[in-house]
């Protein structure tokens, strides 16, 4: 196996594992409460509760992580995870603005944004190579 393929395999396994673990965390009651509170008021709807959105995003993370591990779904999963990262960023930005309310969950805006971009790049690398 060439070095690029080996690197991609290692990154793929690490990124997939991270998404699967983060997705499972969306079903831990204490985590669900904290994440549900992070959903900005403008993104709350009558028909879908914040807790349901947390569960839905957990399913998306688990599915995306698993999808990265299977060659037939790897590229689609990578694209979906990048879209997912963009979609959940408003909740992270909202938490960053309210550090007094969210404590450790409130990662400052710019480090969080840089982290999301780096993670998206790693996802694409894992999906494409």
C-alpha atoms as a PDB file:
ATOM      1  CA  UNK A   1       0.000   0.000   0.000  1.00  0.00           C
ATOM      2  CA  UNK A   2       1.415   3.377  -0.981  1.00  0.00           C
ATOM      3  CA  UNK A   3       1.900   6.082   1.690  1.00  0.00           C
ATOM      4  CA  UNK A   4      -1.061   8.215   0.496  1.00  0.00           C
ATOM      5  CA  UNK A   5      -3.448   5.255   0.600  1.00  0.00           C
ATOM      6  CA  UNK A   6      -2.161   4.219   4.017  1.00  0.00           C
ATOM      7  CA  UNK A   7      -2.551   7.768   5.338  1.00  0.00           C
ATOM      8  CA  UNK A   8      -6.078   7.962   3.931  1.00  0.00           C
ATOM      9  CA  UNK A   9      -6.967   4.640   5.560  1.00  0.00           C
ATOM     10  CA  UNK A  10      -5.697   5.779   8.961  1.00  0.00           C
ATOM     11  CA  UNK A  11      -7.489   9.144   8.683  1.00  0.00           C
ATOM     12  CA  UNK A  12     -10.652   7.398   7.465  1.00  0.00           C
ATOM     13  CA  UNK A  13     -10.717   5.045  10.450  1.00  0.00           C
ATOM     14  CA  UNK A  14     -10.008   7.855  12.933  1.00  0.00           C
ATOM     15  CA  UNK A  15     -12.567  10.262  11.439  1.00  0.00           C
ATOM     16  CA  UNK A  16     -15.218   7.547  11.101  1.00  0.00           C
ATOM     17  CA  UNK A  17     -14.659   6.460  14.694  1.00  0.00           C
ATOM     18  CA  UNK A  18     -14.900  10.058  15.897  1.00  0.00           C
ATOM     19  CA  UNK A  19     -18.206  10.600  14.102  1.00  0.00           C
ATOM     20  CA  UNK A  20     -19.635   7.307  15.354  1.00  0.00           C
ATOM     21  CA  UNK A  21     -18.636   8.086  18.953  1.00  0.00           C
ATOM     22  CA  UNK A  22     -19.956  11.651  18.695  1.00  0.00           C
ATOM     23  CA  UNK A  23     -23.183  10.293  17.194  1.00  0.00           C
ATOM     24  CA  UNK A  24     -23.678   7.798  20.005  1.00  0.00           C
ATOM     25  CA  UNK A  25     -23.159  10.679  22.452  1.00  0.00           C
ATOM     26  CA  UNK A  26     -26.307  12.265  20.967  1.00  0.00           C
ATOM     27  CA  UNK A  27     -28.296   9.581  22.785  1.00  0.00           C
ATOM     28  CA  UNK A  28     -26.771  10.071  26.246  1.00  0.00           C
ATOM     29  CA  UNK A  29     -29.454  11.919  28.261  1.00  0.00           C
ATOM     30  CA  UNK A  30     -27.151  14.523  29.824  1.00  0.00           C
ATOM     31  CA  UNK A  31     -25.544  15.274  26.462  1.00  0.00           C
ATOM     32  CA  UNK A  32     -28.948  15.485  24.779  1.00  0.00           C
ATOM     33  CA  UNK A  33     -30.056  18.163  27.251  1.00  0.00           C
ATOM     34  CA  UNK A  34     -26.940  20.260  26.624  1.00  0.00           C
ATOM     35  CA  UNK A  35     -27.051  19.890  22.853  1.00  0.00           C
ATOM     36  CA  UNK A  36     -30.789  20.592  22.687  1.00  0.00           C
ATOM     37  CA  UNK A  37     -30.212  23.838  24.573  1.00  0.00           C
ATOM     38  CA  UNK A  38     -27.572  24.837  21.999  1.00  0.00           C
ATOM     39  CA  UNK A  39     -30.088  24.934  19.159  1.00  0.00           C
ATOM     40  CA  UNK A  40     -30.663  28.624  18.443  1.00  0.00           C
ATOM     41  CA  UNK A  41     -34.234  29.889  18.900  1.00  0.00           C
ATOM     42  CA  UNK A  42     -34.512  30.757  15.194  1.00  0.00           C
ATOM     43  CA  UNK A  43     -33.867  27.090  14.309  1.00  0.00           C
ATOM     44  CA  UNK A  44     -36.580  25.680  16.570  1.00  0.00           C
ATOM     45  CA  UNK A  45     -39.800  24.471  14.993  1.00  0.00           C
ATOM     46  CA  UNK A  46     -43.120  23.401  16.439  1.00  0.00           C
ATOM     47  CA  UNK A  47     -43.151  19.936  14.873  1.00  0.00           C
ATOM     48  CA  UNK A  48     -39.563  18.912  15.578  1.00  0.00           C
ATOM     49  CA  UNK A  49     -38.365  19.291  19.147  1.00  0.00           C
ATOM     50  CA  UNK A  50     -34.763  20.201  19.925  1.00  0.00           C
ATOM     51  CA  UNK A  51     -34.270  16.732  21.426  1.00  0.00           C
ATOM     52  CA  UNK A  52     -35.528  15.132  18.226  1.00  0.00           C
ATOM     53  CA  UNK A  53     -33.052  17.259  16.255  1.00  0.00           C
ATOM     54  CA  UNK A  54     -30.255  16.094  18.554  1.00  0.00           C
ATOM     55  CA  UNK A  55     -31.250  12.473  17.973  1.00  0.00           C
ATOM     56  CA  UNK A  56     -31.513  13.069  14.227  1.00  0.00           C
ATOM     57  CA  UNK A  57     -28.046  14.622  14.101  1.00  0.00           C
ATOM     58  CA  UNK A  58     -26.727  11.674  16.111  1.00  0.00           C
ATOM     59  CA  UNK A  59     -28.129   9.254  13.538  1.00  0.00           C
ATOM     60  CA  UNK A  60     -26.547  11.369  10.780  1.00  0.00           C
ATOM     61  CA  UNK A  61     -23.142  11.248  12.469  1.00  0.00           C
ATOM     62  CA  UNK A  62     -23.300   7.488  13.004  1.00  0.00           C
ATOM     63  CA  UNK A  63     -24.477   6.857   9.436  1.00  0.00           C
ATOM     64  CA  UNK A  64     -21.823   9.182   8.015  1.00  0.00           C
ATOM     65  CA  UNK A  65     -19.070   7.560  10.056  1.00  0.00           C
ATOM     66  CA  UNK A  66     -20.143   4.078   8.977  1.00  0.00           C
ATOM     67  CA  UNK A  67     -20.533   5.271   5.387  1.00  0.00           C
ATOM     68  CA  UNK A  68     -16.902   6.405   5.313  1.00  0.00           C
ATOM     69  CA  UNK A  69     -15.821   2.850   6.083  1.00  0.00           C
ATOM     70  CA  UNK A  70     -17.545   1.221   3.095  1.00  0.00           C
ATOM     71  CA  UNK A  71     -16.109   1.878  -0.379  1.00  0.00           C
ATOM     72  CA  UNK A  72     -19.473   2.070  -2.204  1.00  0.00           C
ATOM     73  CA  UNK A  73     -20.738   4.820   0.122  1.00  0.00           C
ATOM     74  CA  UNK A  74     -17.477   6.560   1.008  1.00  0.00           C
ATOM     75  CA  UNK A  75     -17.741   9.611  -1.272  1.00  0.00           C
ATOM     76  CA  UNK A  76     -21.464  10.164  -0.626  1.00  0.00           C
ATOM     77  CA  UNK A  77     -20.857   9.866   3.131  1.00  0.00           C
ATOM     78  CA  UNK A  78     -17.981  12.334   2.926  1.00  0.00           C
ATOM     79  CA  UNK A  79     -20.070  14.896   1.084  1.00  0.00           C
ATOM     80  CA  UNK A  80     -22.981  14.372   3.493  1.00  0.00           C
ATOM     81  CA  UNK A  81     -20.712  14.836   6.512  1.00  0.00           C
ATOM     82  CA  UNK A  82     -19.300  18.097   5.133  1.00  0.00           C
ATOM     83  CA  UNK A  83     -22.853  19.362   4.590  1.00  0.00           C
ATOM     84  CA  UNK A  84     -23.698  18.144   8.097  1.00  0.00           C
ATOM     85  CA  UNK A  85     -20.775  20.083   9.599  1.00  0.00           C
ATOM     86  CA  UNK A  86     -22.009  23.243   7.911  1.00  0.00           C
ATOM     87  CA  UNK A  87     -25.590  22.587   9.038  1.00  0.00           C
ATOM     88  CA  UNK A  88     -24.746  22.157  12.725  1.00  0.00           C
ATOM     89  CA  UNK A  89     -22.359  25.096  12.875  1.00  0.00           C
ATOM     90  CA  UNK A  90     -25.084  27.632  13.815  1.00  0.00           C
ATOM     91  CA  UNK A  91     -25.677  25.710  17.064  1.00  0.00           C
ATOM     92  CA  UNK A  92     -21.951  25.857  17.834  1.00  0.00           C
ATOM     93  CA  UNK A  93     -21.852  29.583  17.038  1.00  0.00           C
ATOM     94  CA  UNK A  94     -24.879  30.147  19.288  1.00  0.00           C
ATOM     95  CA  UNK A  95     -23.148  28.309  22.152  1.00  0.00           C
ATOM     96  CA  UNK A  96     -19.977  30.353  21.582  1.00  0.00           C
ATOM     97  CA  UNK A  97     -21.996  33.561  22.058  1.00  0.00           C
ATOM     98  CA  UNK A  98     -23.421  32.264  25.350  1.00  0.00           C
ATOM     99  CA  UNK A  99     -20.392  30.909  27.231  1.00  0.00           C
ATOM    100  CA  UNK A 100     -21.993  31.721  30.588  1.00  0.00           C
ATOM    101  CA  UNK A 101     -24.827  29.324  29.728  1.00  0.00           C
ATOM    102  CA  UNK A 102     -22.941  26.507  27.984  1.00  0.00           C
ATOM    103  CA  UNK A 103     -19.579  26.415  29.760  1.00  0.00           C
ATOM    104  CA  UNK A 104     -17.228  23.865  28.175  1.00  0.00           C
ATOM    105  CA  UNK A 105     -19.580  23.309  25.229  1.00  0.00           C
ATOM    106  CA  UNK A 106     -19.080  26.954  24.250  1.00  0.00           C
ATOM    107  CA  UNK A 107     -15.888  26.694  22.241  1.00  0.00           C
ATOM    108  CA  UNK A 108     -14.978  30.199  21.040  1.00  0.00           C
ATOM    109  CA  UNK A 109     -16.229  31.026  17.547  1.00  0.00           C
ATOM    110  CA  UNK A 110     -12.975  31.279  15.581  1.00  0.00           C
ATOM    111  CA  UNK A 111     -11.268  28.155  16.981  1.00  0.00           C
ATOM    112  CA  UNK A 112     -14.525  26.256  16.423  1.00  0.00           C
ATOM    113  CA  UNK A 113     -14.817  27.503  12.841  1.00  0.00           C
ATOM    114  CA  UNK A 114     -11.196  26.578  12.103  1.00  0.00           C
ATOM    115  CA  UNK A 115     -11.771  23.170  13.691  1.00  0.00           C
ATOM    116  CA  UNK A 116     -14.869  22.582  11.559  1.00  0.00           C
ATOM    117  CA  UNK A 117     -12.977  23.505   8.373  1.00  0.00           C
ATOM    118  CA  UNK A 118     -10.076  21.216   9.295  1.00  0.00           C
ATOM    119  CA  UNK A 119     -12.498  18.395  10.112  1.00  0.00           C
ATOM    120  CA  UNK A 120     -14.301  18.920   6.801  1.00  0.00           C
ATOM    121  CA  UNK A 121     -10.946  18.720   4.981  1.00  0.00           C
ATOM    122  CA  UNK A 122     -10.084  15.496   6.809  1.00  0.00           C
ATOM    123  CA  UNK A 123     -13.495  14.047   5.928  1.00  0.00           C
ATOM    124  CA  UNK A 124     -12.966  14.850   2.242  1.00  0.00           C
ATOM    125  CA  UNK A 125      -9.444  13.410   2.320  1.00  0.00           C
ATOM    126  CA  UNK A 126     -10.783  10.232   3.940  1.00  0.00           C
ATOM    127  CA  UNK A 127     -13.608  10.004   1.402  1.00  0.00           C
ATOM    128  CA  UNK A 128     -11.649  10.691  -1.767  1.00  0.00           C
ATOM    129  CA  UNK A 129      -8.355   8.867  -1.263  1.00  0.00           C
END
